[in-house]
Amino acid sequence: MSATSTIEWTDATWNPVTGCTRVSPGCDHCYALTFAERFRGVPNHPYEQGFDLKLWPERLELPLHNGRNHVVSLSIQ
């Protein structure tokens, strides 16, 4: 979880899921897919599995332990 954000309407972002499932022709030019696939197979990198959909269970409770009230934006990457 990012403790700060440059997004004007939120204080922090949270990514408990990474990756995506391609569902339309619009996905053919996805910048996130291109970025993530560069790291496929790199040990211990967050995108070691490329842009395959992945749930990070250890991130699920992060917003509950930040110690203060603020707006957290769920960020799907």
PDB file of N, CA and C in Angstrom:
ATOM      1  N   MET A   1       0.843  -1.169   0.000  1.00  0.00           N
ATOM      2  CA  MET A   1       0.000   0.000   0.000  1.00  0.00           C
ATOM      3  C   MET A   1       0.886   1.228   0.000  1.00  0.00           C
ATOM      4  N   SER A   2       0.577   2.160  -0.875  1.00  0.00           N
ATOM      5  CA  SER A   2       1.312   3.408  -0.913  1.00  0.00           C
ATOM      6  C   SER A   2       0.745   4.348   0.141  1.00  0.00           C
ATOM      7  N   ALA A   3       1.589   4.881   0.997  1.00  0.00           N
ATOM      8  CA  ALA A   3       1.140   5.764   2.074  1.00  0.00           C
ATOM      9  C   ALA A   3       0.812   7.157   1.560  1.00  0.00           C
ATOM     10  N   THR A   4       1.239   7.486   0.368  1.00  0.00           N
ATOM     11  CA  THR A   4       0.929   8.786  -0.227  1.00  0.00           C
ATOM     12  C   THR A   4       0.497   8.582  -1.670  1.00  0.00           C
ATOM     13  N   SER A   5      -0.185   9.572  -2.199  1.00  0.00           N
ATOM     14  CA  SER A   5      -0.639   9.493  -3.576  1.00  0.00           C
ATOM     15  C   SER A   5      -0.687  10.892  -4.176  1.00  0.00           C
ATOM     16  N   THR A   6      -0.411  10.993  -5.461  1.00  0.00           N
ATOM     17  CA  THR A   6      -0.554  12.271  -6.150  1.00  0.00           C
ATOM     18  C   THR A   6      -1.947  12.422  -6.746  1.00  0.00           C
ATOM     19  N   ILE A   7      -2.792  11.416  -6.558  1.00  0.00           N
ATOM     20  CA  ILE A   7      -4.186  11.500  -7.017  1.00  0.00           C
ATOM     21  C   ILE A   7      -4.907  12.457  -6.077  1.00  0.00           C
ATOM     22  N   GLU A   8      -5.505  13.500  -6.635  1.00  0.00           N
ATOM     23  CA  GLU A   8      -6.066  14.581  -5.812  1.00  0.00           C
ATOM     24  C   GLU A   8      -7.206  14.164  -4.901  1.00  0.00           C
ATOM     25  N   TRP A   9      -7.932  13.126  -5.221  1.00  0.00           N
ATOM     26  CA  TRP A   9      -9.097  12.755  -4.421  1.00  0.00           C
ATOM     27  C   TRP A   9      -8.855  11.594  -3.463  1.00  0.00           C
ATOM     28  N   THR A  10      -7.592  11.201  -3.288  1.00  0.00           N
ATOM     29  CA  THR A  10      -7.299  10.116  -2.361  1.00  0.00           C
ATOM     30  C   THR A  10      -5.994  10.382  -1.615  1.00  0.00           C
ATOM     31  N   ASP A  11      -5.829   9.749  -0.471  1.00  0.00           N
ATOM     32  CA  ASP A  11      -4.613   9.912   0.327  1.00  0.00           C
ATOM     33  C   ASP A  11      -3.604   8.791   0.089  1.00  0.00           C
ATOM     34  N   ALA A  12      -4.098   7.623  -0.317  1.00  0.00           N
ATOM     35  CA  ALA A  12      -3.234   6.455  -0.497  1.00  0.00           C
ATOM     36  C   ALA A  12      -3.858   5.517  -1.515  1.00  0.00           C
ATOM     37  N   THR A  13      -3.048   4.600  -2.053  1.00  0.00           N
ATOM     38  CA  THR A  13      -3.569   3.580  -2.961  1.00  0.00           C
ATOM     39  C   THR A  13      -3.252   2.203  -2.404  1.00  0.00           C
ATOM     40  N   TRP A  14      -4.047   1.220  -2.820  1.00  0.00           N
ATOM     41  CA  TRP A  14      -3.943  -0.135  -2.290  1.00  0.00           C
ATOM     42  C   TRP A  14      -4.111  -1.121  -3.430  1.00  0.00           C
ATOM     43  N   ASN A  15      -3.179  -2.051  -3.591  1.00  0.00           N
ATOM     44  CA  ASN A  15      -3.188  -3.005  -4.697  1.00  0.00           C
ATOM     45  C   ASN A  15      -3.142  -4.447  -4.188  1.00  0.00           C
ATOM     46  N   PRO A  16      -4.268  -5.019  -3.759  1.00  0.00           N
ATOM     47  CA  PRO A  16      -4.245  -6.407  -3.309  1.00  0.00           C
ATOM     48  C   PRO A  16      -4.250  -7.412  -4.467  1.00  0.00           C
ATOM     49  N   VAL A  17      -4.460  -6.915  -5.683  1.00  0.00           N
ATOM     50  CA  VAL A  17      -4.484  -7.776  -6.869  1.00  0.00           C
ATOM     51  C   VAL A  17      -3.625  -7.122  -7.945  1.00  0.00           C
ATOM     52  N   THR A  18      -2.814  -7.910  -8.628  1.00  0.00           N
ATOM     53  CA  THR A  18      -2.074  -7.408  -9.778  1.00  0.00           C
ATOM     54  C   THR A  18      -2.421  -8.263 -10.984  1.00  0.00           C
ATOM     55  N   GLY A  19      -2.161  -7.709 -12.153  1.00  0.00           N
ATOM     56  CA  GLY A  19      -2.434  -8.437 -13.377  1.00  0.00           C
ATOM     57  C   GLY A  19      -3.822  -8.163 -13.911  1.00  0.00           C
ATOM     58  N   CYS A  20      -4.165  -8.869 -14.957  1.00  0.00           N
ATOM     59  CA  CYS A  20      -5.437  -8.620 -15.627  1.00  0.00           C
ATOM     60  C   CYS A  20      -5.760  -9.796 -16.552  1.00  0.00           C
ATOM     61  N   THR A  21      -7.015  -9.889 -16.916  1.00  0.00           N
ATOM     62  CA  THR A  21      -7.463 -10.845 -17.916  1.00  0.00           C
ATOM     63  C   THR A  21      -7.897 -10.046 -19.143  1.00  0.00           C
ATOM     64  N   ARG A  22      -7.281 -10.302 -20.264  1.00  0.00           N
ATOM     65  CA  ARG A  22      -7.619  -9.561 -21.487  1.00  0.00           C
ATOM     66  C   ARG A  22      -9.029  -9.924 -21.924  1.00  0.00           C
ATOM     67  N   VAL A  23      -9.867  -8.900 -22.123  1.00  0.00           N
ATOM     68  CA  VAL A  23     -11.275  -9.159 -22.418  1.00  0.00           C
ATOM     69  C   VAL A  23     -11.785  -8.488 -23.690  1.00  0.00           C
ATOM     70  N   SER A  24     -11.015  -7.583 -24.285  1.00  0.00           N
ATOM     71  CA  SER A  24     -11.518  -6.883 -25.458  1.00  0.00           C
ATOM     72  C   SER A  24     -10.374  -6.489 -26.382  1.00  0.00           C
ATOM     73  N   PRO A  25     -10.691  -6.060 -27.604  1.00  0.00           N
ATOM     74  CA  PRO A  25      -9.649  -5.599 -28.526  1.00  0.00           C
ATOM     75  C   PRO A  25      -8.883  -4.396 -27.978  1.00  0.00           C
ATOM     76  N   GLY A  26      -9.475  -3.636 -27.083  1.00  0.00           N
ATOM     77  CA  GLY A  26      -8.790  -2.500 -26.479  1.00  0.00           C
ATOM     78  C   GLY A  26      -7.579  -2.918 -25.663  1.00  0.00           C
ATOM     79  N   CYS A  27      -7.531  -4.174 -25.284  1.00  0.00           N
ATOM     80  CA  CYS A  27      -6.413  -4.686 -24.492  1.00  0.00           C
ATOM     81  C   CYS A  27      -5.163  -4.914 -25.329  1.00  0.00           C
ATOM     82  N   ASP A  28      -5.297  -4.861 -26.653  1.00  0.00           N
ATOM     83  CA  ASP A  28      -4.159  -5.151 -27.534  1.00  0.00           C
ATOM     84  C   ASP A  28      -2.991  -4.188 -27.344  1.00  0.00           C
ATOM     85  N   HIS A  29      -3.255  -2.979 -26.888  1.00  0.00           N
ATOM     86  CA  HIS A  29      -2.204  -1.971 -26.736  1.00  0.00           C
ATOM     87  C   HIS A  29      -2.057  -1.540 -25.276  1.00  0.00           C
ATOM     88  N   CYS A  30      -2.243  -2.446 -24.356  1.00  0.00           N
ATOM     89  CA  CYS A  30      -2.208  -2.156 -22.921  1.00  0.00           C
ATOM     90  C   CYS A  30      -0.774  -1.870 -22.468  1.00  0.00           C
ATOM     91  N   TYR A  31      -0.542  -0.670 -21.937  1.00  0.00           N
ATOM     92  CA  TYR A  31       0.797  -0.318 -21.474  1.00  0.00           C
ATOM     93  C   TYR A  31       1.189  -1.141 -20.247  1.00  0.00           C
ATOM     94  N   ALA A  32       0.229  -1.438 -19.366  1.00  0.00           N
ATOM     95  CA  ALA A  32       0.535  -2.191 -18.144  1.00  0.00           C
ATOM     96  C   ALA A  32       0.969  -3.615 -18.482  1.00  0.00           C
ATOM     97  N   LEU A  33       0.321  -4.233 -19.457  1.00  0.00           N
ATOM     98  CA  LEU A  33       0.707  -5.578 -19.899  1.00  0.00           C
ATOM     99  C   LEU A  33       2.138  -5.571 -20.434  1.00  0.00           C
ATOM    100  N   THR A  34       2.443  -4.604 -21.276  1.00  0.00           N
ATOM    101  CA  THR A  34       3.791  -4.499 -21.849  1.00  0.00           C
ATOM    102  C   THR A  34       4.829  -4.314 -20.752  1.00  0.00           C
ATOM    103  N   PHE A  35       4.547  -3.438 -19.801  1.00  0.00           N
ATOM    104  CA  PHE A  35       5.464  -3.181 -18.685  1.00  0.00           C
ATOM    105  C   PHE A  35       5.691  -4.450 -17.860  1.00  0.00           C
ATOM    106  N   ALA A  36       4.609  -5.092 -17.455  1.00  0.00           N
ATOM    107  CA  ALA A  36       4.706  -6.258 -16.569  1.00  0.00           C
ATOM    108  C   ALA A  36       5.414  -7.433 -17.229  1.00  0.00           C
ATOM    109  N   GLU A  37       5.161  -7.642 -18.501  1.00  0.00           N
ATOM    110  CA  GLU A  37       5.764  -8.784 -19.186  1.00  0.00           C
ATOM    111  C   GLU A  37       7.280  -8.680 -19.274  1.00  0.00           C
ATOM    112  N   ARG A  38       7.831  -7.470 -19.170  1.00  0.00           N
ATOM    113  CA  ARG A  38       9.292  -7.316 -19.165  1.00  0.00           C
ATOM    114  C   ARG A  38       9.929  -8.023 -17.975  1.00  0.00           C
ATOM    115  N   PHE A  39       9.157  -8.184 -16.899  1.00  0.00           N
ATOM    116  CA  PHE A  39       9.687  -8.740 -15.672  1.00  0.00           C
ATOM    117  C   PHE A  39       9.293 -10.201 -15.443  1.00  0.00           C
ATOM    118  N   ARG A  40       8.604 -10.800 -16.411  1.00  0.00           N
ATOM    119  CA  ARG A  40       8.233 -12.215 -16.276  1.00  0.00           C
ATOM    120  C   ARG A  40       9.493 -13.047 -16.078  1.00  0.00           C
ATOM    121  N   GLY A  41       9.485 -13.864 -15.026  1.00  0.00           N
ATOM    122  CA  GLY A  41      10.607 -14.740 -14.752  1.00  0.00           C
ATOM    123  C   GLY A  41      11.710 -14.128 -13.906  1.00  0.00           C
ATOM    124  N   VAL A  42      11.595 -12.839 -13.566  1.00  0.00           N
ATOM    125  CA  VAL A  42      12.612 -12.202 -12.714  1.00  0.00           C
ATOM    126  C   VAL A  42      12.296 -12.568 -11.268  1.00  0.00           C
ATOM    127  N   PRO A  43      13.134 -13.355 -10.616  1.00  0.00           N
ATOM    128  CA  PRO A  43      12.843 -13.819  -9.257  1.00  0.00           C
ATOM    129  C   PRO A  43      12.585 -12.677  -8.276  1.00  0.00           C
ATOM    130  N   ASN A  44      11.552 -12.839  -7.468  1.00  0.00           N
ATOM    131  CA  ASN A  44      11.164 -11.911  -6.400  1.00  0.00           C
ATOM    132  C   ASN A  44      10.684 -10.549  -6.878  1.00  0.00           C
ATOM    133  N   HIS A  45      10.449 -10.386  -8.164  1.00  0.00           N
ATOM    134  CA  HIS A  45       9.883  -9.131  -8.671  1.00  0.00           C
ATOM    135  C   HIS A  45       8.357  -9.219  -8.564  1.00  0.00           C
ATOM    136  N   PRO A  46       7.673  -8.110  -8.259  1.00  0.00           N
ATOM    137  CA  PRO A  46       6.204  -8.165  -8.166  1.00  0.00           C
ATOM    138  C   PRO A  46       5.522  -8.703  -9.428  1.00  0.00           C
ATOM    139  N   TYR A  47       6.158  -8.539 -10.593  1.00  0.00           N
ATOM    140  CA  TYR A  47       5.587  -9.069 -11.832  1.00  0.00           C
ATOM    141  C   TYR A  47       6.373 -10.274 -12.342  1.00  0.00           C
ATOM    142  N   GLU A  48       6.909 -11.061 -11.420  1.00  0.00           N
ATOM    143  CA  GLU A  48       7.620 -12.293 -11.786  1.00  0.00           C
ATOM    144  C   GLU A  48       6.727 -13.193 -12.629  1.00  0.00           C
ATOM    145  N   GLN A  49       5.400 -13.144 -12.388  1.00  0.00           N
ATOM    146  CA  GLN A  49       4.445 -13.956 -13.143  1.00  0.00           C
ATOM    147  C   GLN A  49       3.883 -13.193 -14.345  1.00  0.00           C
ATOM    148  N   GLY A  50       4.561 -12.111 -14.770  1.00  0.00           N
ATOM    149  CA  GLY A  50       4.079 -11.301 -15.882  1.00  0.00           C
ATOM    150  C   GLY A  50       2.812 -10.568 -15.466  1.00  0.00           C
ATOM    151  N   PHE A  51       1.843 -10.484 -16.363  1.00  0.00           N
ATOM    152  CA  PHE A  51       0.599  -9.773 -16.058  1.00  0.00           C
ATOM    153  C   PHE A  51      -0.545 -10.747 -15.787  1.00  0.00           C
ATOM    154  N   ASP A  52      -0.185 -11.990 -15.423  1.00  0.00           N
ATOM    155  CA  ASP A  52      -1.210 -12.954 -15.027  1.00  0.00           C
ATOM    156  C   ASP A  52      -1.895 -12.438 -13.770  1.00  0.00           C
ATOM    157  N   LEU A  53      -3.188 -12.638 -13.674  1.00  0.00           N
ATOM    158  CA  LEU A  53      -3.949 -12.187 -12.517  1.00  0.00           C
ATOM    159  C   LEU A  53      -3.437 -12.883 -11.254  1.00  0.00           C
ATOM    160  N   LYS A  54      -3.151 -12.087 -10.200  1.00  0.00           N
ATOM    161  CA  LYS A  54      -2.630 -12.658  -8.962  1.00  0.00           C
ATOM    162  C   LYS A  54      -3.177 -11.903  -7.756  1.00  0.00           C
ATOM    163  N   LEU A  55      -3.709 -12.646  -6.795  1.00  0.00           N
ATOM    164  CA  LEU A  55      -4.144 -12.092  -5.516  1.00  0.00           C
ATOM    165  C   LEU A  55      -2.983 -12.172  -4.541  1.00  0.00           C
ATOM    166  N   TRP A  56      -2.725 -11.085  -3.814  1.00  0.00           N
ATOM    167  CA  TRP A  56      -1.678 -11.025  -2.798  1.00  0.00           C
ATOM    168  C   TRP A  56      -2.355 -11.037  -1.433  1.00  0.00           C
ATOM    169  N   PRO A  57      -2.604 -12.212  -0.833  1.00  0.00           N
ATOM    170  CA  PRO A  57      -3.327 -12.298   0.439  1.00  0.00           C
ATOM    171  C   PRO A  57      -2.690 -11.471   1.559  1.00  0.00           C
ATOM    172  N   GLU A  58      -1.363 -11.361   1.553  1.00  0.00           N
ATOM    173  CA  GLU A  58      -0.696 -10.602   2.609  1.00  0.00           C
ATOM    174  C   GLU A  58      -0.995  -9.106   2.537  1.00  0.00           C
ATOM    175  N   ARG A  59      -1.563  -8.625   1.432  1.00  0.00           N
ATOM    176  CA  ARG A  59      -1.900  -7.208   1.296  1.00  0.00           C
ATOM    177  C   ARG A  59      -3.345  -6.890   1.687  1.00  0.00           C
ATOM    178  N   LEU A  60      -4.169  -7.906   1.903  1.00  0.00           N
ATOM    179  CA  LEU A  60      -5.596  -7.674   2.127  1.00  0.00           C
ATOM    180  C   LEU A  60      -5.907  -6.817   3.350  1.00  0.00           C
ATOM    181  N   GLU A  61      -5.160  -6.959   4.415  1.00  0.00           N
ATOM    182  CA  GLU A  61      -5.457  -6.221   5.643  1.00  0.00           C
ATOM    183  C   GLU A  61      -4.640  -4.941   5.817  1.00  0.00           C
ATOM    184  N   LEU A  62      -3.825  -4.574   4.858  1.00  0.00           N
ATOM    185  CA  LEU A  62      -2.985  -3.384   5.000  1.00  0.00           C
ATOM    186  C   LEU A  62      -3.761  -2.111   5.363  1.00  0.00           C
ATOM    187  N   PRO A  63      -4.897  -1.818   4.744  1.00  0.00           N
ATOM    188  CA  PRO A  63      -5.603  -0.579   5.105  1.00  0.00           C
ATOM    189  C   PRO A  63      -6.108  -0.566   6.556  1.00  0.00           C
ATOM    190  N   LEU A  64      -6.244  -1.724   7.167  1.00  0.00           N
ATOM    191  CA  LEU A  64      -6.735  -1.793   8.543  1.00  0.00           C
ATOM    192  C   LEU A  64      -5.661  -1.426   9.563  1.00  0.00           C
ATOM    193  N   HIS A  65      -4.414  -1.403   9.144  1.00  0.00           N
ATOM    194  CA  HIS A  65      -3.306  -1.218  10.074  1.00  0.00           C
ATOM    195  C   HIS A  65      -2.501   0.051   9.821  1.00  0.00           C
ATOM    196  N   ASN A  66      -3.106   1.032   9.157  1.00  0.00           N
ATOM    197  CA  ASN A  66      -2.346   2.232   8.831  1.00  0.00           C
ATOM    198  C   ASN A  66      -2.311   3.245   9.970  1.00  0.00           C
ATOM    199  N   GLY A  67      -3.114   3.051  11.021  1.00  0.00           N
ATOM    200  CA  GLY A  67      -3.031   3.894  12.201  1.00  0.00           C
ATOM    201  C   GLY A  67      -3.723   5.231  12.125  1.00  0.00           C
ATOM    202  N   ARG A  68      -4.375   5.532  11.018  1.00  0.00           N
ATOM    203  CA  ARG A  68      -5.098   6.797  10.919  1.00  0.00           C
ATOM    204  C   ARG A  68      -6.221   6.668   9.908  1.00  0.00           C
ATOM    205  N   ASN A  69      -7.142   7.595   9.969  1.00  0.00           N
ATOM    206  CA  ASN A  69      -8.245   7.596   9.013  1.00  0.00           C
ATOM    207  C   ASN A  69      -7.861   8.403   7.790  1.00  0.00           C
ATOM    208  N   HIS A  70      -8.012   7.818   6.638  1.00  0.00           N
ATOM    209  CA  HIS A  70      -7.830   8.552   5.393  1.00  0.00           C
ATOM    210  C   HIS A  70      -8.512   7.804   4.253  1.00  0.00           C
ATOM    211  N   VAL A  71      -8.630   8.449   3.127  1.00  0.00           N
ATOM    212  CA  VAL A  71      -9.271   7.859   1.956  1.00  0.00           C
ATOM    213  C   VAL A  71      -8.249   6.977   1.249  1.00  0.00           C
ATOM    214  N   VAL A  72      -8.610   5.715   1.047  1.00  0.00           N
ATOM    215  CA  VAL A  72      -7.737   4.769   0.351  1.00  0.00           C
ATOM    216  C   VAL A  72      -8.425   4.341  -0.939  1.00  0.00           C
ATOM    217  N   SER A  73      -7.735   4.498  -2.028  1.00  0.00           N
ATOM    218  CA  SER A  73      -8.263   4.133  -3.335  1.00  0.00           C
ATOM    219  C   SER A  73      -7.779   2.737  -3.703  1.00  0.00           C
ATOM    220  N   LEU A  74      -8.711   1.855  -4.033  1.00  0.00           N
ATOM    221  CA  LEU A  74      -8.345   0.524  -4.512  1.00  0.00           C
ATOM    222  C   LEU A  74      -7.817   0.697  -5.926  1.00  0.00           C
ATOM    223  N   SER A  75      -6.592   0.318  -6.131  1.00  0.00           N
ATOM    224  CA  SER A  75      -5.939   0.483  -7.417  1.00  0.00           C
ATOM    225  C   SER A  75      -5.746  -0.877  -8.051  1.00  0.00           C
ATOM    226  N   ILE A  76      -6.387  -1.101  -9.172  1.00  0.00           N
ATOM    227  CA  ILE A  76      -6.241  -2.372  -9.888  1.00  0.00           C
ATOM    228  C   ILE A  76      -5.138  -2.202 -10.918  1.00  0.00           C
ATOM    229  N   GLN A  77      -4.116  -3.050 -10.827  1.00  0.00           N
ATOM    230  CA  GLN A  77      -3.005  -2.982 -11.766  1.00  0.00           C
ATOM    231  C   GLN A  77      -2.863  -4.287 -12.487  1.00  0.00           C
TER     232      GLN A  77
END
